[in-house]
């Protein structure tokens, strides 16, 4: 399974994954930092939300927002 914004996601995660594999997983949601202080919603957030809700719940949703440094 792949995300629109990232590379392939691992097939094994959560309690069955090793601590190293869990530490290397991408962040589950965008986080603002001093380098990326702004958070903006994707233009297709409604489509993303619909896709997230229609797929089997495994805890891996496509983010509805993204973080950036300057103006979008």
N, C-alpha and C. Protein backbone atom coordinates (compact mmCIF):
# COMPACT_ATOMS: atom_id res chain seq x y z
N UNK A 1 0.84 -1.17 0.00
CA UNK A 1 0.00 0.00 0.00
C UNK A 1 0.89 1.24 0.00
N UNK A 2 0.61 2.19 -0.83
CA UNK A 2 1.41 3.39 -0.89
C UNK A 2 0.56 4.62 -0.62
N UNK A 3 1.20 5.65 -0.16
CA UNK A 3 0.54 6.93 0.08
C UNK A 3 0.86 7.85 -1.08
N UNK A 4 0.06 8.86 -1.27
CA UNK A 4 0.30 9.80 -2.36
C UNK A 4 1.57 10.61 -2.12
N UNK A 5 1.94 10.83 -0.86
CA UNK A 5 3.02 11.74 -0.53
C UNK A 5 4.29 11.06 -0.08
N UNK A 6 4.27 9.78 0.14
CA UNK A 6 5.43 9.09 0.69
C UNK A 6 5.70 7.84 -0.13
N UNK A 7 6.77 7.17 0.21
CA UNK A 7 7.11 5.92 -0.45
C UNK A 7 6.23 4.80 0.07
N UNK A 8 6.56 3.58 -0.28
CA UNK A 8 5.76 2.44 0.18
C UNK A 8 5.75 2.33 1.70
N UNK A 9 4.63 1.95 2.23
CA UNK A 9 4.52 1.77 3.67
C UNK A 9 4.85 0.33 4.02
N UNK A 10 5.39 0.11 5.21
CA UNK A 10 5.72 -1.27 5.60
C UNK A 10 4.45 -2.09 5.79
N UNK A 11 4.55 -3.38 5.51
CA UNK A 11 3.39 -4.25 5.68
C UNK A 11 3.17 -4.65 7.12
N UNK A 12 4.17 -4.51 7.95
CA UNK A 12 4.08 -4.90 9.34
C UNK A 12 4.33 -3.69 10.22
N UNK A 13 3.43 -3.42 11.14
CA UNK A 13 3.62 -2.28 12.04
C UNK A 13 2.91 -2.56 13.35
N UNK A 14 3.14 -1.69 14.28
CA UNK A 14 2.45 -1.82 15.57
C UNK A 14 3.11 -2.84 16.47
N UNK A 15 2.31 -3.61 17.20
CA UNK A 15 2.86 -4.52 18.21
C UNK A 15 3.75 -5.63 17.65
N UNK A 16 3.56 -5.99 16.38
CA UNK A 16 4.35 -7.08 15.81
C UNK A 16 5.69 -6.61 15.23
N UNK A 17 5.84 -5.32 15.01
CA UNK A 17 7.07 -4.79 14.41
C UNK A 17 8.16 -4.65 15.47
N UNK A 18 9.40 -4.69 15.00
CA UNK A 18 10.52 -4.50 15.91
C UNK A 18 10.60 -3.03 16.32
N UNK A 19 11.24 -2.71 17.43
CA UNK A 19 11.37 -1.30 17.82
C UNK A 19 12.08 -0.45 16.76
N UNK A 20 13.06 -1.04 16.05
CA UNK A 20 13.76 -0.30 15.00
C UNK A 20 12.82 0.02 13.85
N UNK A 21 11.97 -0.93 13.46
CA UNK A 21 11.03 -0.70 12.37
C UNK A 21 10.00 0.36 12.77
N UNK A 22 9.55 0.33 14.01
CA UNK A 22 8.59 1.33 14.48
C UNK A 22 9.22 2.71 14.51
N UNK A 23 10.47 2.81 14.92
CA UNK A 23 11.15 4.11 14.98
C UNK A 23 11.38 4.69 13.59
N UNK A 24 11.51 3.85 12.57
CA UNK A 24 11.76 4.32 11.21
C UNK A 24 10.50 4.63 10.43
N UNK A 25 9.33 4.38 11.01
CA UNK A 25 8.08 4.69 10.30
C UNK A 25 7.90 6.20 10.19
N UNK A 26 7.24 6.66 9.12
CA UNK A 26 6.99 8.10 9.01
C UNK A 26 6.04 8.56 10.11
N UNK A 27 6.08 9.85 10.41
CA UNK A 27 5.19 10.40 11.44
C UNK A 27 3.74 10.14 11.04
N UNK A 28 2.88 9.80 11.99
CA UNK A 28 1.50 9.47 11.65
C UNK A 28 0.67 10.68 11.23
N UNK A 29 1.10 11.87 11.58
CA UNK A 29 0.40 13.09 11.18
C UNK A 29 1.41 14.22 11.14
N UNK A 30 1.14 15.27 10.35
CA UNK A 30 2.10 16.38 10.26
C UNK A 30 2.27 17.08 11.60
N UNK A 31 3.51 17.44 11.91
CA UNK A 31 3.80 18.16 13.15
C UNK A 31 4.52 19.45 12.79
N UNK A 32 4.07 20.55 13.36
CA UNK A 32 4.77 21.80 13.13
C UNK A 32 6.04 21.84 13.96
N UNK A 33 7.09 22.41 13.37
CA UNK A 33 8.37 22.58 14.04
C UNK A 33 8.83 24.01 13.80
N UNK A 34 9.96 24.37 14.36
CA UNK A 34 10.48 25.71 14.12
C UNK A 34 10.87 25.88 12.65
N UNK A 35 11.30 24.80 11.99
CA UNK A 35 11.65 24.88 10.58
C UNK A 35 10.42 24.89 9.68
N UNK A 36 9.35 24.23 10.11
CA UNK A 36 8.10 24.16 9.34
C UNK A 36 6.95 24.60 10.24
N UNK A 37 6.80 25.92 10.45
CA UNK A 37 5.83 26.41 11.43
C UNK A 37 4.38 26.51 10.94
N UNK A 38 4.16 26.41 9.63
CA UNK A 38 2.81 26.59 9.09
C UNK A 38 2.18 25.25 8.71
N UNK A 39 0.88 25.12 8.99
CA UNK A 39 0.14 23.92 8.63
C UNK A 39 -1.03 24.32 7.75
N UNK A 40 -1.17 23.66 6.60
CA UNK A 40 -2.20 23.99 5.64
C UNK A 40 -2.92 22.72 5.22
N UNK A 41 -4.23 22.82 5.00
CA UNK A 41 -5.01 21.67 4.55
C UNK A 41 -4.76 21.42 3.07
N UNK A 42 -4.74 20.15 2.67
CA UNK A 42 -4.65 19.81 1.26
C UNK A 42 -5.94 20.26 0.58
N UNK A 43 -5.83 20.63 -0.69
CA UNK A 43 -7.02 21.07 -1.43
C UNK A 43 -8.03 19.94 -1.57
N UNK A 44 -7.55 18.70 -1.61
CA UNK A 44 -8.45 17.55 -1.76
C UNK A 44 -8.72 16.86 -0.43
N UNK A 45 -8.76 17.59 0.67
CA UNK A 45 -8.90 16.97 1.98
C UNK A 45 -10.19 16.18 2.10
N UNK A 46 -11.25 16.59 1.43
CA UNK A 46 -12.51 15.84 1.49
C UNK A 46 -12.36 14.47 0.84
N UNK A 47 -11.65 14.41 -0.30
CA UNK A 47 -11.41 13.13 -0.96
C UNK A 47 -10.52 12.24 -0.09
N UNK A 48 -9.51 12.84 0.53
CA UNK A 48 -8.63 12.07 1.42
C UNK A 48 -9.40 11.52 2.61
N UNK A 49 -10.26 12.35 3.19
CA UNK A 49 -11.04 11.89 4.34
C UNK A 49 -11.97 10.76 3.94
N UNK A 50 -12.62 10.88 2.79
CA UNK A 50 -13.50 9.82 2.30
C UNK A 50 -12.73 8.53 2.09
N UNK A 51 -11.55 8.63 1.49
CA UNK A 51 -10.72 7.43 1.28
C UNK A 51 -10.28 6.83 2.61
N UNK A 52 -9.90 7.69 3.56
CA UNK A 52 -9.49 7.20 4.87
C UNK A 52 -10.62 6.46 5.56
N UNK A 53 -11.83 7.00 5.49
CA UNK A 53 -12.96 6.39 6.18
C UNK A 53 -13.47 5.15 5.48
N UNK A 54 -13.25 5.04 4.17
CA UNK A 54 -13.78 3.89 3.44
C UNK A 54 -12.85 2.69 3.46
N UNK A 55 -11.58 2.90 3.81
CA UNK A 55 -10.67 1.75 3.82
C UNK A 55 -10.67 1.11 5.21
N UNK A 56 -10.20 -0.09 5.25
CA UNK A 56 -10.15 -0.83 6.50
C UNK A 56 -9.30 -0.09 7.51
N UNK A 57 -9.79 0.00 8.72
CA UNK A 57 -9.10 0.76 9.75
C UNK A 57 -7.88 0.01 10.24
N UNK A 58 -6.70 0.48 9.84
CA UNK A 58 -5.45 -0.11 10.33
C UNK A 58 -4.57 0.95 10.95
N UNK A 59 -5.12 2.15 11.15
CA UNK A 59 -4.37 3.21 11.80
C UNK A 59 -3.46 3.99 10.89
N UNK A 60 -3.49 3.72 9.59
CA UNK A 60 -2.61 4.43 8.65
C UNK A 60 -3.45 5.26 7.70
N UNK A 61 -3.72 6.48 8.09
CA UNK A 61 -4.49 7.40 7.26
C UNK A 61 -3.57 8.31 6.48
N UNK A 62 -4.06 8.78 5.33
CA UNK A 62 -3.34 9.81 4.61
C UNK A 62 -3.60 11.13 5.34
N UNK A 63 -2.57 11.95 5.55
CA UNK A 63 -2.79 13.19 6.28
C UNK A 63 -3.71 14.14 5.52
N UNK A 64 -4.45 14.94 6.26
CA UNK A 64 -5.35 15.93 5.67
C UNK A 64 -4.68 17.30 5.58
N UNK A 65 -3.54 17.45 6.25
CA UNK A 65 -2.80 18.72 6.24
C UNK A 65 -1.33 18.46 5.95
N UNK A 66 -0.59 19.53 5.64
CA UNK A 66 0.85 19.44 5.44
C UNK A 66 1.49 20.65 6.07
N UNK A 67 2.74 20.48 6.47
CA UNK A 67 3.49 21.57 7.10
C UNK A 67 4.49 22.13 6.11
N UNK A 68 4.76 23.43 6.22
CA UNK A 68 5.67 24.10 5.30
C UNK A 68 6.27 25.31 5.97
N UNK A 69 7.34 25.82 5.35
CA UNK A 69 8.08 26.94 5.95
C UNK A 69 7.47 28.29 5.59
N UNK A 70 7.11 28.49 4.34
CA UNK A 70 6.63 29.80 3.92
C UNK A 70 5.21 29.76 3.41
N UNK A 71 4.89 30.69 2.54
CA UNK A 71 3.56 30.72 1.94
C UNK A 71 3.35 29.50 1.08
N UNK A 72 2.14 28.92 1.09
CA UNK A 72 1.88 27.71 0.29
C UNK A 72 1.89 27.97 -1.20
